[in-house]
Amino acid sequence: SKDLKGAMEILIEQKRQMLSTVEKLDEHMDFASQLIFAQNRGDLTAENVNQCVLEMMIAAPDTLSVTLFFMLILIAEHPTVEEEMMREIETVLGKLELQS
């Protein structure tokens, strides 16, 4: 647990350093960046930021797989929604081929 916590602190510090040197900040605004800026404003402590990033790293694969599973079930149960999604994909892609 201490090793993982230490690794998260290192990664967050690297992210903080990267954010301080980028020219266009909006291109690098992700959830971790938002947490770092919240800490800079005094809305979160360093411990809060570390804990949030740690939880994202540990919990995200499980929650993502469950969410995708239920999303696919709902799409399968509602063929008109699936058809609308496919039309939108075709509209956005045009003649480009869909890739994973």
PDB file of N, CA and C in Angstrom:
ATOM      1  N   SER A   1       0.822  -1.196   0.000  1.00  0.00           N
ATOM      2  CA  SER A   1       0.000   0.000   0.000  1.00  0.00           C
ATOM      3  C   SER A   1       0.869   1.265   0.000  1.00  0.00           C
ATOM      4  N   LYS A   2       1.953   1.257   0.822  1.00  0.00           N
ATOM      5  CA  LYS A   2       2.843   2.416   0.861  1.00  0.00           C
ATOM      6  C   LYS A   2       3.543   2.614  -0.480  1.00  0.00           C
ATOM      7  N   ASP A   3       3.951   1.485  -1.107  1.00  0.00           N
ATOM      8  CA  ASP A   3       4.624   1.570  -2.405  1.00  0.00           C
ATOM      9  C   ASP A   3       3.708   2.163  -3.462  1.00  0.00           C
ATOM     10  N   LEU A   4       2.456   1.720  -3.477  1.00  0.00           N
ATOM     11  CA  LEU A   4       1.486   2.222  -4.444  1.00  0.00           C
ATOM     12  C   LEU A   4       1.197   3.696  -4.203  1.00  0.00           C
ATOM     13  N   LYS A   5       1.078   4.059  -2.942  1.00  0.00           N
ATOM     14  CA  LYS A   5       0.828   5.459  -2.583  1.00  0.00           C
ATOM     15  C   LYS A   5       2.009   6.338  -3.009  1.00  0.00           C
ATOM     16  N   GLY A   6       3.214   5.834  -2.782  1.00  0.00           N
ATOM     17  CA  GLY A   6       4.408   6.576  -3.189  1.00  0.00           C
ATOM     18  C   GLY A   6       4.486   6.731  -4.699  1.00  0.00           C
ATOM     19  N   ALA A   7       4.130   5.681  -5.416  1.00  0.00           N
ATOM     20  CA  ALA A   7       4.136   5.740  -6.884  1.00  0.00           C
ATOM     21  C   ALA A   7       3.124   6.768  -7.374  1.00  0.00           C
ATOM     22  N   MET A   8       1.949   6.829  -6.736  1.00  0.00           N
ATOM     23  CA  MET A   8       0.930   7.813  -7.117  1.00  0.00           C
ATOM     24  C   MET A   8       1.443   9.232  -6.876  1.00  0.00           C
ATOM     25  N   GLU A   9       2.116   9.435  -5.757  1.00  0.00           N
ATOM     26  CA  GLU A   9       2.662  10.763  -5.459  1.00  0.00           C
ATOM     27  C   GLU A   9       3.665  11.185  -6.515  1.00  0.00           C
ATOM     28  N   ILE A  10       4.491  10.255  -6.959  1.00  0.00           N
ATOM     29  CA  ILE A  10       5.488  10.549  -8.005  1.00  0.00           C
ATOM     30  C   ILE A  10       4.778  10.901  -9.311  1.00  0.00           C
ATOM     31  N   LEU A  11       3.774  10.106  -9.683  1.00  0.00           N
ATOM     32  CA  LEU A  11       3.045  10.373 -10.923  1.00  0.00           C
ATOM     33  C   LEU A  11       2.332  11.722 -10.888  1.00  0.00           C
ATOM     34  N   ILE A  12       1.739  12.053  -9.752  1.00  0.00           N
ATOM     35  CA  ILE A  12       1.046  13.334  -9.616  1.00  0.00           C
ATOM     36  C   ILE A  12       2.039  14.482  -9.708  1.00  0.00           C
ATOM     37  N   GLU A  13       3.188  14.321  -9.098  1.00  0.00           N
ATOM     38  CA  GLU A  13       4.217  15.367  -9.176  1.00  0.00           C
ATOM     39  C   GLU A  13       4.706  15.535 -10.610  1.00  0.00           C
ATOM     40  N   GLN A  14       4.875  14.428 -11.325  1.00  0.00           N
ATOM     41  CA  GLN A  14       5.271  14.514 -12.742  1.00  0.00           C
ATOM     42  C   GLN A  14       4.207  15.246 -13.549  1.00  0.00           C
ATOM     43  N   LYS A  15       2.941  14.951 -13.281  1.00  0.00           N
ATOM     44  CA  LYS A  15       1.836  15.621 -13.970  1.00  0.00           C
ATOM     45  C   LYS A  15       1.849  17.107 -13.634  1.00  0.00           C
ATOM     46  N   ARG A  16       2.077  17.435 -12.369  1.00  0.00           N
ATOM     47  CA  ARG A  16       2.135  18.838 -11.936  1.00  0.00           C
ATOM     48  C   ARG A  16       3.256  19.587 -12.679  1.00  0.00           C
ATOM     49  N   GLN A  17       4.431  18.956 -12.797  1.00  0.00           N
ATOM     50  CA  GLN A  17       5.557  19.566 -13.513  1.00  0.00           C
ATOM     51  C   GLN A  17       5.216  19.765 -14.988  1.00  0.00           C
ATOM     52  N   MET A  18       4.580  18.755 -15.597  1.00  0.00           N
ATOM     53  CA  MET A  18       4.204  18.847 -16.997  1.00  0.00           C
ATOM     54  C   MET A  18       3.221  20.001 -17.209  1.00  0.00           C
ATOM     55  N   LEU A  19       2.247  20.136 -16.309  1.00  0.00           N
ATOM     56  CA  LEU A  19       1.261  21.214 -16.434  1.00  0.00           C
ATOM     57  C   LEU A  19       1.897  22.594 -16.313  1.00  0.00           C
ATOM     58  N   SER A  20       2.971  22.682 -15.542  1.00  0.00           N
ATOM     59  CA  SER A  20       3.612  23.982 -15.355  1.00  0.00           C
ATOM     60  C   SER A  20       4.441  24.406 -16.562  1.00  0.00           C
ATOM     61  N   THR A  21       4.681  23.476 -17.497  1.00  0.00           N
ATOM     62  CA  THR A  21       5.532  23.811 -18.643  1.00  0.00           C
ATOM     63  C   THR A  21       4.798  23.832 -19.986  1.00  0.00           C
ATOM     64  N   VAL A  22       3.531  23.412 -20.028  1.00  0.00           N
ATOM     65  CA  VAL A  22       2.823  23.359 -21.315  1.00  0.00           C
ATOM     66  C   VAL A  22       2.401  24.748 -21.762  1.00  0.00           C
ATOM     67  N   GLU A  23       2.344  24.930 -23.069  1.00  0.00           N
ATOM     68  CA  GLU A  23       1.921  26.216 -23.618  1.00  0.00           C
ATOM     69  C   GLU A  23       0.402  26.330 -23.670  1.00  0.00           C
ATOM     70  N   LYS A  24      -0.261  25.279 -24.150  1.00  0.00           N
ATOM     71  CA  LYS A  24      -1.718  25.289 -24.255  1.00  0.00           C
ATOM     72  C   LYS A  24      -2.303  24.356 -23.201  1.00  0.00           C
ATOM     73  N   LEU A  25      -2.752  24.946 -22.126  1.00  0.00           N
ATOM     74  CA  LEU A  25      -3.244  24.169 -20.992  1.00  0.00           C
ATOM     75  C   LEU A  25      -4.498  23.377 -21.345  1.00  0.00           C
ATOM     76  N   ASP A  26      -5.372  23.946 -22.191  1.00  0.00           N
ATOM     77  CA  ASP A  26      -6.640  23.282 -22.495  1.00  0.00           C
ATOM     78  C   ASP A  26      -6.450  21.933 -23.184  1.00  0.00           C
ATOM     79  N   GLU A  27      -5.318  21.701 -23.807  1.00  0.00           N
ATOM     80  CA  GLU A  27      -5.050  20.428 -24.464  1.00  0.00           C
ATOM     81  C   GLU A  27      -4.662  19.333 -23.457  1.00  0.00           C
ATOM     82  N   HIS A  28      -4.407  19.721 -22.222  1.00  0.00           N
ATOM     83  CA  HIS A  28      -3.945  18.770 -21.199  1.00  0.00           C
ATOM     84  C   HIS A  28      -4.883  18.711 -19.997  1.00  0.00           C
ATOM     85  N   MET A  29      -6.118  19.176 -20.174  1.00  0.00           N
ATOM     86  CA  MET A  29      -7.048  19.201 -19.052  1.00  0.00           C
ATOM     87  C   MET A  29      -7.806  17.883 -18.960  1.00  0.00           C
ATOM     88  N   ASP A  30      -7.371  17.040 -18.059  1.00  0.00           N
ATOM     89  CA  ASP A  30      -8.060  15.799 -17.767  1.00  0.00           C
ATOM     90  C   ASP A  30      -8.442  15.823 -16.291  1.00  0.00           C
ATOM     91  N   PHE A  31      -8.973  14.707 -15.809  1.00  0.00           N
ATOM     92  CA  PHE A  31      -9.447  14.678 -14.425  1.00  0.00           C
ATOM     93  C   PHE A  31      -8.308  14.913 -13.427  1.00  0.00           C
ATOM     94  N   ALA A  32      -7.155  14.317 -13.679  1.00  0.00           N
ATOM     95  CA  ALA A  32      -6.014  14.510 -12.770  1.00  0.00           C
ATOM     96  C   ALA A  32      -5.591  15.978 -12.743  1.00  0.00           C
ATOM     97  N   SER A  33      -5.607  16.626 -13.907  1.00  0.00           N
ATOM     98  CA  SER A  33      -5.261  18.052 -13.970  1.00  0.00           C
ATOM     99  C   SER A  33      -6.248  18.884 -13.162  1.00  0.00           C
ATOM    100  N   GLN A  34      -7.532  18.564 -13.292  1.00  0.00           N
ATOM    101  CA  GLN A  34      -8.553  19.286 -12.533  1.00  0.00           C
ATOM    102  C   GLN A  34      -8.323  19.132 -11.023  1.00  0.00           C
ATOM    103  N   LEU A  35      -7.936  17.919 -10.618  1.00  0.00           N
ATOM    104  CA  LEU A  35      -7.654  17.691  -9.194  1.00  0.00           C
ATOM    105  C   LEU A  35      -6.473  18.531  -8.725  1.00  0.00           C
ATOM    106  N   ILE A  36      -5.435  18.583  -9.546  1.00  0.00           N
ATOM    107  CA  ILE A  36      -4.240  19.360  -9.192  1.00  0.00           C
ATOM    108  C   ILE A  36      -4.594  20.837  -9.054  1.00  0.00           C
ATOM    109  N   PHE A  37      -5.394  21.359  -9.991  1.00  0.00           N
ATOM    110  CA  PHE A  37      -5.780  22.766  -9.912  1.00  0.00           C
ATOM    111  C   PHE A  37      -6.692  23.027  -8.713  1.00  0.00           C
ATOM    112  N   ALA A  38      -7.528  22.053  -8.364  1.00  0.00           N
ATOM    113  CA  ALA A  38      -8.367  22.201  -7.174  1.00  0.00           C
ATOM    114  C   ALA A  38      -7.491  22.277  -5.918  1.00  0.00           C
ATOM    115  N   GLN A  39      -6.403  21.510  -5.901  1.00  0.00           N
ATOM    116  CA  GLN A  39      -5.472  21.584  -4.781  1.00  0.00           C
ATOM    117  C   GLN A  39      -4.792  22.951  -4.763  1.00  0.00           C
ATOM    118  N   ASN A  40      -4.382  23.436  -5.933  1.00  0.00           N
ATOM    119  CA  ASN A  40      -3.724  24.742  -6.008  1.00  0.00           C
ATOM    120  C   ASN A  40      -4.643  25.858  -5.495  1.00  0.00           C
ATOM    121  N   ARG A  41      -5.944  25.717  -5.736  1.00  0.00           N
ATOM    122  CA  ARG A  41      -6.910  26.726  -5.265  1.00  0.00           C
ATOM    123  C   ARG A  41      -7.210  26.572  -3.778  1.00  0.00           C
ATOM    124  N   GLY A  42      -6.809  25.442  -3.192  1.00  0.00           N
ATOM    125  CA  GLY A  42      -7.087  25.203  -1.784  1.00  0.00           C
ATOM    126  C   GLY A  42      -8.371  24.433  -1.551  1.00  0.00           C
ATOM    127  N   ASP A  43      -9.006  23.938  -2.644  1.00  0.00           N
ATOM    128  CA  ASP A  43     -10.255  23.186  -2.503  1.00  0.00           C
ATOM    129  C   ASP A  43     -10.007  21.748  -2.044  1.00  0.00           C
ATOM    130  N   LEU A  44      -8.823  21.212  -2.347  1.00  0.00           N
ATOM    131  CA  LEU A  44      -8.461  19.848  -1.965  1.00  0.00           C
ATOM    132  C   LEU A  44      -7.076  19.850  -1.330  1.00  0.00           C
ATOM    133  N   THR A  45      -6.826  18.851  -0.505  1.00  0.00           N
ATOM    134  CA  THR A  45      -5.484  18.676   0.051  1.00  0.00           C
ATOM    135  C   THR A  45      -4.696  17.750  -0.879  1.00  0.00           C
ATOM    136  N   ALA A  46      -3.401  17.686  -0.677  1.00  0.00           N
ATOM    137  CA  ALA A  46      -2.563  16.770  -1.451  1.00  0.00           C
ATOM    138  C   ALA A  46      -3.028  15.333  -1.227  1.00  0.00           C
ATOM    139  N   GLU A  47      -3.426  15.020   0.000  1.00  0.00           N
ATOM    140  CA  GLU A  47      -3.922  13.673   0.318  1.00  0.00           C
ATOM    141  C   GLU A  47      -5.203  13.370  -0.455  1.00  0.00           C
ATOM    142  N   ASN A  48      -6.102  14.368  -0.572  1.00  0.00           N
ATOM    143  CA  ASN A  48      -7.330  14.179  -1.357  1.00  0.00           C
ATOM    144  C   ASN A  48      -7.003  13.851  -2.809  1.00  0.00           C
ATOM    145  N   VAL A  49      -6.079  14.592  -3.380  1.00  0.00           N
ATOM    146  CA  VAL A  49      -5.691  14.383  -4.780  1.00  0.00           C
ATOM    147  C   VAL A  49      -5.093  12.989  -4.947  1.00  0.00           C
ATOM    148  N   ASN A  50      -4.169  12.633  -4.072  1.00  0.00           N
ATOM    149  CA  ASN A  50      -3.540  11.305  -4.142  1.00  0.00           C
ATOM    150  C   ASN A  50      -4.583  10.197  -4.050  1.00  0.00           C
ATOM    151  N   GLN A  51      -5.527  10.339  -3.128  1.00  0.00           N
ATOM    152  CA  GLN A  51      -6.557   9.313  -2.934  1.00  0.00           C
ATOM    153  C   GLN A  51      -7.467   9.204  -4.154  1.00  0.00           C
ATOM    154  N   CYS A  52      -7.857  10.324  -4.734  1.00  0.00           N
ATOM    155  CA  CYS A  52      -8.715  10.294  -5.929  1.00  0.00           C
ATOM    156  C   CYS A  52      -8.015   9.611  -7.103  1.00  0.00           C
ATOM    157  N   VAL A  53      -6.760   9.947  -7.334  1.00  0.00           N
ATOM    158  CA  VAL A  53      -6.018   9.335  -8.434  1.00  0.00           C
ATOM    159  C   VAL A  53      -5.838   7.838  -8.181  1.00  0.00           C
ATOM    160  N   LEU A  54      -5.510   7.486  -6.961  1.00  0.00           N
ATOM    161  CA  LEU A  54      -5.351   6.074  -6.603  1.00  0.00           C
ATOM    162  C   LEU A  54      -6.647   5.307  -6.847  1.00  0.00           C
ATOM    163  N   GLU A  55      -7.768   5.869  -6.422  1.00  0.00           N
ATOM    164  CA  GLU A  55      -9.059   5.205  -6.619  1.00  0.00           C
ATOM    165  C   GLU A  55      -9.401   5.083  -8.100  1.00  0.00           C
ATOM    166  N   MET A  56      -9.065   6.094  -8.888  1.00  0.00           N
ATOM    167  CA  MET A  56      -9.293   6.003 -10.334  1.00  0.00           C
ATOM    168  C   MET A  56      -8.501   4.852 -10.928  1.00  0.00           C
ATOM    169  N   MET A  57      -7.255   4.722 -10.527  1.00  0.00           N
ATOM    170  CA  MET A  57      -6.385   3.676 -11.075  1.00  0.00           C
ATOM    171  C   MET A  57      -6.863   2.284 -10.680  1.00  0.00           C
ATOM    172  N   ILE A  58      -7.374   2.143  -9.469  1.00  0.00           N
ATOM    173  CA  ILE A  58      -7.787   0.832  -8.978  1.00  0.00           C
ATOM    174  C   ILE A  58      -9.204   0.480  -9.419  1.00  0.00           C
ATOM    175  N   ALA A  59     -10.130   1.425  -9.315  1.00  0.00           N
ATOM    176  CA  ALA A  59     -11.543   1.123  -9.542  1.00  0.00           C
ATOM    177  C   ALA A  59     -11.981   1.245 -10.992  1.00  0.00           C
ATOM    178  N   ALA A  60     -11.344   2.076 -11.769  1.00  0.00           N
ATOM    179  CA  ALA A  60     -11.827   2.355 -13.122  1.00  0.00           C
ATOM    180  C   ALA A  60     -12.017   1.117 -13.994  1.00  0.00           C
ATOM    181  N   PRO A  61     -11.090   0.160 -14.039  1.00  0.00           N
ATOM    182  CA  PRO A  61     -11.319  -0.997 -14.920  1.00  0.00           C
ATOM    183  C   PRO A  61     -12.585  -1.779 -14.562  1.00  0.00           C
ATOM    184  N   ASP A  62     -12.870  -1.960 -13.278  1.00  0.00           N
ATOM    185  CA  ASP A  62     -14.068  -2.692 -12.867  1.00  0.00           C
ATOM    186  C   ASP A  62     -15.337  -1.933 -13.230  1.00  0.00           C
ATOM    187  N   THR A  63     -15.387  -0.673 -12.879  1.00  0.00           N
ATOM    188  CA  THR A  63     -16.606   0.095 -13.149  1.00  0.00           C
ATOM    189  C   THR A  63     -16.818   0.273 -14.643  1.00  0.00           C
ATOM    190  N   LEU A  64     -15.737   0.440 -15.389  1.00  0.00           N
ATOM    191  CA  LEU A  64     -15.863   0.598 -16.836  1.00  0.00           C
ATOM    192  C   LEU A  64     -16.424  -0.662 -17.473  1.00  0.00           C
ATOM    193  N   SER A  65     -15.928  -1.822 -17.085  1.00  0.00           N
ATOM    194  CA  SER A  65     -16.407  -3.069 -17.691  1.00  0.00           C
ATOM    195  C   SER A  65     -17.874  -3.307 -17.364  1.00  0.00           C
ATOM    196  N   VAL A  66     -18.300  -3.009 -16.139  1.00  0.00           N
ATOM    197  CA  VAL A  66     -19.709  -3.186 -15.759  1.00  0.00           C
ATOM    198  C   VAL A  66     -20.586  -2.209 -16.534  1.00  0.00           C
ATOM    199  N   THR A  67     -20.154  -0.966 -16.646  1.00  0.00           N
ATOM    200  CA  THR A  67     -20.914   0.042 -17.381  1.00  0.00           C
ATOM    201  C   THR A  67     -21.058  -0.344 -18.845  1.00  0.00           C
ATOM    202  N   LEU A  68     -19.969  -0.769 -19.476  1.00  0.00           N
ATOM    203  CA  LEU A  68     -20.033  -1.188 -20.876  1.00  0.00           C
ATOM    204  C   LEU A  68     -20.947  -2.387 -21.064  1.00  0.00           C
ATOM    205  N   PHE A  69     -20.894  -3.344 -20.148  1.00  0.00           N
ATOM    206  CA  PHE A  69     -21.748  -4.521 -20.216  1.00  0.00           C
ATOM    207  C   PHE A  69     -23.222  -4.115 -20.230  1.00  0.00           C
ATOM    208  N   PHE A  70     -23.624  -3.264 -19.275  1.00  0.00           N
ATOM    209  CA  PHE A  70     -25.021  -2.858 -19.216  1.00  0.00           C
ATOM    210  C   PHE A  70     -25.408  -1.977 -20.396  1.00  0.00           C
ATOM    211  N   MET A  71     -24.495  -1.155 -20.869  1.00  0.00           N
ATOM    212  CA  MET A  71     -24.779  -0.329 -22.046  1.00  0.00           C
ATOM    213  C   MET A  71     -25.058  -1.215 -23.257  1.00  0.00           C
ATOM    214  N   LEU A  72     -24.247  -2.251 -23.456  1.00  0.00           N
ATOM    215  CA  LEU A  72     -24.441  -3.156 -24.584  1.00  0.00           C
ATOM    216  C   LEU A  72     -25.747  -3.936 -24.460  1.00  0.00           C
ATOM    217  N   ILE A  73     -26.106  -4.339 -23.247  1.00  0.00           N
ATOM    218  CA  ILE A  73     -27.383  -5.028 -23.041  1.00  0.00           C
ATOM    219  C   ILE A  73     -28.545  -4.098 -23.399  1.00  0.00           C
ATOM    220  N   LEU A  74     -28.479  -2.855 -22.929  1.00  0.00           N
ATOM    221  CA  LEU A  74     -29.558  -1.909 -23.228  1.00  0.00           C
ATOM    222  C   LEU A  74     -29.668  -1.628 -24.723  1.00  0.00           C
ATOM    223  N   ILE A  75     -28.531  -1.511 -25.398  1.00  0.00           N
ATOM    224  CA  ILE A  75     -28.560  -1.298 -26.848  1.00  0.00           C
ATOM    225  C   ILE A  75     -29.195  -2.503 -27.547  1.00  0.00           C
ATOM    226  N   ALA A  76     -28.815  -3.706 -27.120  1.00  0.00           N
ATOM    227  CA  ALA A  76     -29.375  -4.924 -27.718  1.00  0.00           C
ATOM    228  C   ALA A  76     -30.886  -5.014 -27.491  1.00  0.00           C
ATOM    229  N   GLU A  77     -31.368  -4.528 -26.359  1.00  0.00           N
ATOM    230  CA  GLU A  77     -32.799  -4.584 -26.045  1.00  0.00           C
ATOM    231  C   GLU A  77     -33.609  -3.496 -26.750  1.00  0.00           C
ATOM    232  N   HIS A  78     -32.929  -2.493 -27.309  1.00  0.00           N
ATOM    233  CA  HIS A  78     -33.617  -1.371 -27.957  1.00  0.00           C
ATOM    234  C   HIS A  78     -33.046  -1.168 -29.371  1.00  0.00           C
ATOM    235  N   PRO A  79     -33.515  -1.970 -30.338  1.00  0.00           N
ATOM    236  CA  PRO A  79     -32.962  -1.917 -31.694  1.00  0.00           C
ATOM    237  C   PRO A  79     -33.105  -0.552 -32.374  1.00  0.00           C
ATOM    238  N   THR A  80     -34.133   0.211 -32.025  1.00  0.00           N
ATOM    239  CA  THR A  80     -34.265   1.532 -32.660  1.00  0.00           C
ATOM    240  C   THR A  80     -33.152   2.465 -32.193  1.00  0.00           C
ATOM    241  N   VAL A  81     -32.753   2.328 -30.944  1.00  0.00           N
ATOM    242  CA  VAL A  81     -31.632   3.128 -30.430  1.00  0.00           C
ATOM    243  C   VAL A  81     -30.350   2.717 -31.150  1.00  0.00           C
ATOM    244  N   GLU A  82     -30.160   1.411 -31.330  1.00  0.00           N
ATOM    245  CA  GLU A  82     -28.979   0.927 -32.042  1.00  0.00           C
ATOM    246  C   GLU A  82     -28.943   1.492 -33.461  1.00  0.00           C
ATOM    247  N   GLU A  83     -30.096   1.501 -34.148  1.00  0.00           N
ATOM    248  CA  GLU A  83     -30.163   2.043 -35.507  1.00  0.00           C
ATOM    249  C   GLU A  83     -29.806   3.529 -35.524  1.00  0.00           C
ATOM    250  N   GLU A  84     -30.324   4.291 -34.553  1.00  0.00           N
ATOM    251  CA  GLU A  84     -30.004   5.718 -34.461  1.00  0.00           C
ATOM    252  C   GLU A  84     -28.511   5.934 -34.221  1.00  0.00           C
ATOM    253  N   MET A  85     -27.920   5.103 -33.361  1.00  0.00           N
ATOM    254  CA  MET A  85     -26.483   5.212 -33.089  1.00  0.00           C
ATOM    255  C   MET A  85     -25.681   4.932 -34.359  1.00  0.00           C
ATOM    256  N   MET A  86     -26.079   3.913 -35.088  1.00  0.00           N
ATOM    257  CA  MET A  86     -25.357   3.568 -36.316  1.00  0.00           C
ATOM    258  C   MET A  86     -25.476   4.691 -37.352  1.00  0.00           C
ATOM    259  N   ARG A  87     -26.664   5.305 -37.461  1.00  0.00           N
ATOM    260  CA  ARG A  87     -26.827   6.436 -38.384  1.00  0.00           C
ATOM    261  C   ARG A  87     -25.913   7.594 -37.991  1.00  0.00           C
ATOM    262  N   GLU A  88     -25.838   7.862 -36.691  1.00  0.00           N
ATOM    263  CA  GLU A  88     -24.976   8.961 -36.225  1.00  0.00           C
ATOM    264  C   GLU A  88     -23.508   8.654 -36.506  1.00  0.00           C
ATOM    265  N   ILE A  89     -23.102   7.412 -36.273  1.00  0.00           N
ATOM    266  CA  ILE A  89     -21.718   7.022 -36.563  1.00  0.00           C
ATOM    267  C   ILE A  89     -21.418   7.213 -38.048  1.00  0.00           C
ATOM    268  N   GLU A  90     -22.327   6.772 -38.891  1.00  0.00           N
ATOM    269  CA  GLU A  90     -22.144   6.916 -40.339  1.00  0.00           C
ATOM    270  C   GLU A  90     -22.094   8.385 -40.748  1.00  0.00           C
ATOM    271  N   THR A  91     -22.923   9.227 -40.105  1.00  0.00           N
ATOM    272  CA  THR A  91     -22.933  10.655 -40.403  1.00  0.00           C
ATOM    273  C   THR A  91     -21.593  11.295 -40.036  1.00  0.00           C
ATOM    274  N   VAL A  92     -21.079  10.940 -38.870  1.00  0.00           N
ATOM    275  CA  VAL A  92     -19.819  11.525 -38.389  1.00  0.00           C
ATOM    276  C   VAL A  92     -18.633  11.024 -39.211  1.00  0.00           C
ATOM    277  N   LEU A  93     -18.601   9.726 -39.487  1.00  0.00           N
ATOM    278  CA  LEU A  93     -17.461   9.139 -40.195  1.00  0.00           C
ATOM    279  C   LEU A  93     -17.482   9.408 -41.694  1.00  0.00           C
ATOM    280  N   GLY A  94     -18.677   9.560 -42.271  1.00  0.00           N
ATOM    281  CA  GLY A  94     -18.744   9.724 -43.721  1.00  0.00           C
ATOM    282  C   GLY A  94     -18.228   8.470 -44.412  1.00  0.00           C
ATOM    283  N   LYS A  95     -17.223   8.634 -45.242  1.00  0.00           N
ATOM    284  CA  LYS A  95     -16.686   7.502 -45.994  1.00  0.00           C
ATOM    285  C   LYS A  95     -15.529   6.803 -45.262  1.00  0.00           C
ATOM    286  N   LEU A  96     -15.140   7.346 -44.114  1.00  0.00           N
ATOM    287  CA  LEU A  96     -14.060   6.719 -43.340  1.00  0.00           C
ATOM    288  C   LEU A  96     -14.538   5.388 -42.785  1.00  0.00           C
ATOM    289  N   GLU A  97     -13.615   4.457 -42.651  1.00  0.00           N
ATOM    290  CA  GLU A  97     -13.953   3.145 -42.110  1.00  0.00           C
ATOM    291  C   GLU A  97     -13.881   3.173 -40.574  1.00  0.00           C
ATOM    292  N   LEU A  98     -14.851   2.543 -39.930  1.00  0.00           N
ATOM    293  CA  LEU A  98     -14.881   2.467 -38.475  1.00  0.00           C
ATOM    294  C   LEU A  98     -13.740   1.573 -37.988  1.00  0.00           C
ATOM    295  N   GLN A  99     -12.998   2.057 -37.003  1.00  0.00           N
ATOM    296  CA  GLN A  99     -11.889   1.291 -36.432  1.00  0.00           C
ATOM    297  C   GLN A  99     -12.061   1.219 -34.932  1.00  0.00           C
ATOM    298  N   SER A 100     -11.482   0.169 -34.339  1.00  0.00           N
ATOM    299  CA  SER A 100     -11.588   0.052 -32.873  1.00  0.00           C
ATOM    300  C   SER A 100     -10.703   1.073 -32.202  1.00  0.00           C
TER     301      SER A 100
END
